[in-house]
Amino acid sequence: MDRIGGAYKRLAYFSILLISLILVVAFNVDSLKLVHDISSDSTLRQTLVAEAGRVNDPNISPNQVKTVLDELGASIGWGQAITNCRF
């Protein structure tokens, strides 16, 4: 029974890792910049906390959530990455 439990833990771990990597790439989340910005800017941190309560509303549309994130300057999305890319 212990071997089955260990196998399940490994499968769950790698499944969560794979799903999180897919989401990070799909949404272009710069987690290091996001953590740095939130930890160093108290105004941004307080605004994010306030907006999190508002965005949690089930009647809000995805476009409204994107608008809020754009207003806050969050490092989420492909918009800035594609326009600032130089080869």
C-alpha atoms as a PDB file:
ATOM      1  CA  MET A   1       0.000   0.000   0.000  1.00  0.00           C
ATOM      2  CA  ASP A   2       2.916   2.378   0.679  1.00  0.00           C
ATOM      3  CA  ARG A   3       4.220   1.910  -2.841  1.00  0.00           C
ATOM      4  CA  ILE A   4       0.854   2.869  -4.330  1.00  0.00           C
ATOM      5  CA  GLY A   5       0.719   5.957  -2.124  1.00  0.00           C
ATOM      6  CA  GLY A   6       4.227   6.965  -3.198  1.00  0.00           C
ATOM      7  CA  ALA A   7       3.385   6.478  -6.851  1.00  0.00           C
ATOM      8  CA  TYR A   8       0.253   8.588  -6.430  1.00  0.00           C
ATOM      9  CA  LYS A   9       2.249  11.387  -4.756  1.00  0.00           C
ATOM     10  CA  ARG A  10       4.789  11.421  -7.590  1.00  0.00           C
ATOM     11  CA  LEU A  11       2.058  11.453 -10.234  1.00  0.00           C
ATOM     12  CA  ALA A  12       0.208  14.270  -8.461  1.00  0.00           C
ATOM     13  CA  TYR A  13       3.435  16.269  -8.060  1.00  0.00           C
ATOM     14  CA  PHE A  14       4.400  16.018 -11.731  1.00  0.00           C
ATOM     15  CA  SER A  15       0.827  16.684 -12.872  1.00  0.00           C
ATOM     16  CA  ILE A  16       0.655  19.898 -10.837  1.00  0.00           C
ATOM     17  CA  LEU A  17       4.094  20.913 -12.079  1.00  0.00           C
ATOM     18  CA  LEU A  18       3.095  20.355 -15.709  1.00  0.00           C
ATOM     19  CA  ILE A  19      -0.202  22.238 -15.344  1.00  0.00           C
ATOM     20  CA  SER A  20       1.512  25.176 -13.640  1.00  0.00           C
ATOM     21  CA  LEU A  21       4.182  25.389 -16.345  1.00  0.00           C
ATOM     22  CA  ILE A  22       1.533  25.371 -19.065  1.00  0.00           C
ATOM     23  CA  LEU A  23      -0.397  28.162 -17.305  1.00  0.00           C
ATOM     24  CA  VAL A  24       2.730  30.263 -16.774  1.00  0.00           C
ATOM     25  CA  VAL A  25       3.691  30.020 -20.434  1.00  0.00           C
ATOM     26  CA  ALA A  26       0.119  30.553 -21.670  1.00  0.00           C
ATOM     27  CA  PHE A  27      -0.428  33.692 -19.586  1.00  0.00           C
ATOM     28  CA  ASN A  28       3.196  34.910 -19.798  1.00  0.00           C
ATOM     29  CA  VAL A  29       3.472  35.463 -16.057  1.00  0.00           C
ATOM     30  CA  ASP A  30       6.792  36.973 -15.001  1.00  0.00           C
ATOM     31  CA  SER A  31       6.632  35.699 -11.428  1.00  0.00           C
ATOM     32  CA  LEU A  32      10.007  37.086 -10.360  1.00  0.00           C
ATOM     33  CA  LYS A  33       9.140  40.616 -11.499  1.00  0.00           C
ATOM     34  CA  LEU A  34       5.678  40.269  -9.980  1.00  0.00           C
ATOM     35  CA  VAL A  35       7.099  39.236  -6.580  1.00  0.00           C
ATOM     36  CA  HIS A  36       9.672  42.021  -6.698  1.00  0.00           C
ATOM     37  CA  ASP A  37       7.069  44.665  -7.591  1.00  0.00           C
ATOM     38  CA  ILE A  38       4.617  43.533  -4.914  1.00  0.00           C
ATOM     39  CA  SER A  39       7.262  43.268  -2.193  1.00  0.00           C
ATOM     40  CA  SER A  40       8.881  46.641  -2.913  1.00  0.00           C
ATOM     41  CA  ASP A  41       5.806  48.793  -3.647  1.00  0.00           C
ATOM     42  CA  SER A  42       3.390  49.084  -0.729  1.00  0.00           C
ATOM     43  CA  THR A  43       0.875  51.123  -2.742  1.00  0.00           C
ATOM     44  CA  LEU A  44       0.685  48.406  -5.399  1.00  0.00           C
ATOM     45  CA  ARG A  45       0.324  45.757  -2.696  1.00  0.00           C
ATOM     46  CA  GLN A  46      -2.567  47.593  -0.998  1.00  0.00           C
ATOM     47  CA  THR A  47      -4.260  48.225  -4.336  1.00  0.00           C
ATOM     48  CA  LEU A  48      -3.973  44.554  -5.306  1.00  0.00           C
ATOM     49  CA  VAL A  49      -5.557  43.502  -2.024  1.00  0.00           C
ATOM     50  CA  ALA A  50      -8.426  45.963  -2.521  1.00  0.00           C
ATOM     51  CA  GLU A  51      -8.981  44.911  -6.136  1.00  0.00           C
ATOM     52  CA  ALA A  52      -8.861  41.206  -5.267  1.00  0.00           C
ATOM     53  CA  GLY A  53     -12.072  41.589  -3.311  1.00  0.00           C
ATOM     54  CA  ARG A  54     -13.743  43.358  -6.216  1.00  0.00           C
ATOM     55  CA  VAL A  55     -12.528  40.886  -8.868  1.00  0.00           C
ATOM     56  CA  ASN A  56     -13.831  37.971  -6.790  1.00  0.00           C
ATOM     57  CA  ASP A  57     -17.371  38.977  -7.796  1.00  0.00           C
ATOM     58  CA  PRO A  58     -18.933  36.139  -9.868  1.00  0.00           C
ATOM     59  CA  ASN A  59     -20.640  38.643 -12.193  1.00  0.00           C
ATOM     60  CA  ILE A  60     -17.396  40.241 -13.405  1.00  0.00           C
ATOM     61  CA  SER A  61     -16.245  39.421 -16.939  1.00  0.00           C
ATOM     62  CA  PRO A  62     -12.719  38.334 -17.938  1.00  0.00           C
ATOM     63  CA  ASN A  63     -12.305  41.582 -19.890  1.00  0.00           C
ATOM     64  CA  GLN A  64     -12.952  43.588 -16.718  1.00  0.00           C
ATOM     65  CA  VAL A  65     -10.335  41.533 -14.852  1.00  0.00           C
ATOM     66  CA  LYS A  66      -7.828  42.185 -17.657  1.00  0.00           C
ATOM     67  CA  THR A  67      -8.603  45.906 -17.496  1.00  0.00           C
ATOM     68  CA  VAL A  68      -7.931  45.946 -13.748  1.00  0.00           C
ATOM     69  CA  LEU A  69      -4.628  44.091 -14.211  1.00  0.00           C
ATOM     70  CA  ASP A  70      -3.577  46.467 -16.987  1.00  0.00           C
ATOM     71  CA  GLU A  71      -4.376  49.487 -14.804  1.00  0.00           C
ATOM     72  CA  LEU A  72      -2.251  48.066 -11.995  1.00  0.00           C
ATOM     73  CA  GLY A  73       0.663  47.372 -14.318  1.00  0.00           C
ATOM     74  CA  ALA A  74       0.846  43.686 -13.432  1.00  0.00           C
ATOM     75  CA  SER A  75       3.413  41.572 -15.283  1.00  0.00           C
ATOM     76  CA  ILE A  76       0.793  39.268 -16.759  1.00  0.00           C
ATOM     77  CA  GLY A  77      -0.038  38.853 -20.434  1.00  0.00           C
ATOM     78  CA  TRP A  78       1.673  38.893 -23.794  1.00  0.00           C
ATOM     79  CA  GLY A  79       1.040  42.540 -24.699  1.00  0.00           C
ATOM     80  CA  GLN A  80       4.235  44.108 -23.355  1.00  0.00           C
ATOM     81  CA  ALA A  81       6.461  41.137 -24.119  1.00  0.00           C
ATOM     82  CA  ILE A  82       5.636  41.130 -27.814  1.00  0.00           C
ATOM     83  CA  THR A  83       5.844  44.907 -28.323  1.00  0.00           C
ATOM     84  CA  ASN A  84       9.139  45.224 -26.410  1.00  0.00           C
ATOM     85  CA  CYS A  85      10.779  42.250 -28.115  1.00  0.00           C
ATOM     86  CA  ARG A  86      13.848  43.064 -30.213  1.00  0.00           C
ATOM     87  CA  PHE A  87      15.794  40.616 -32.334  1.00  0.00           C
END
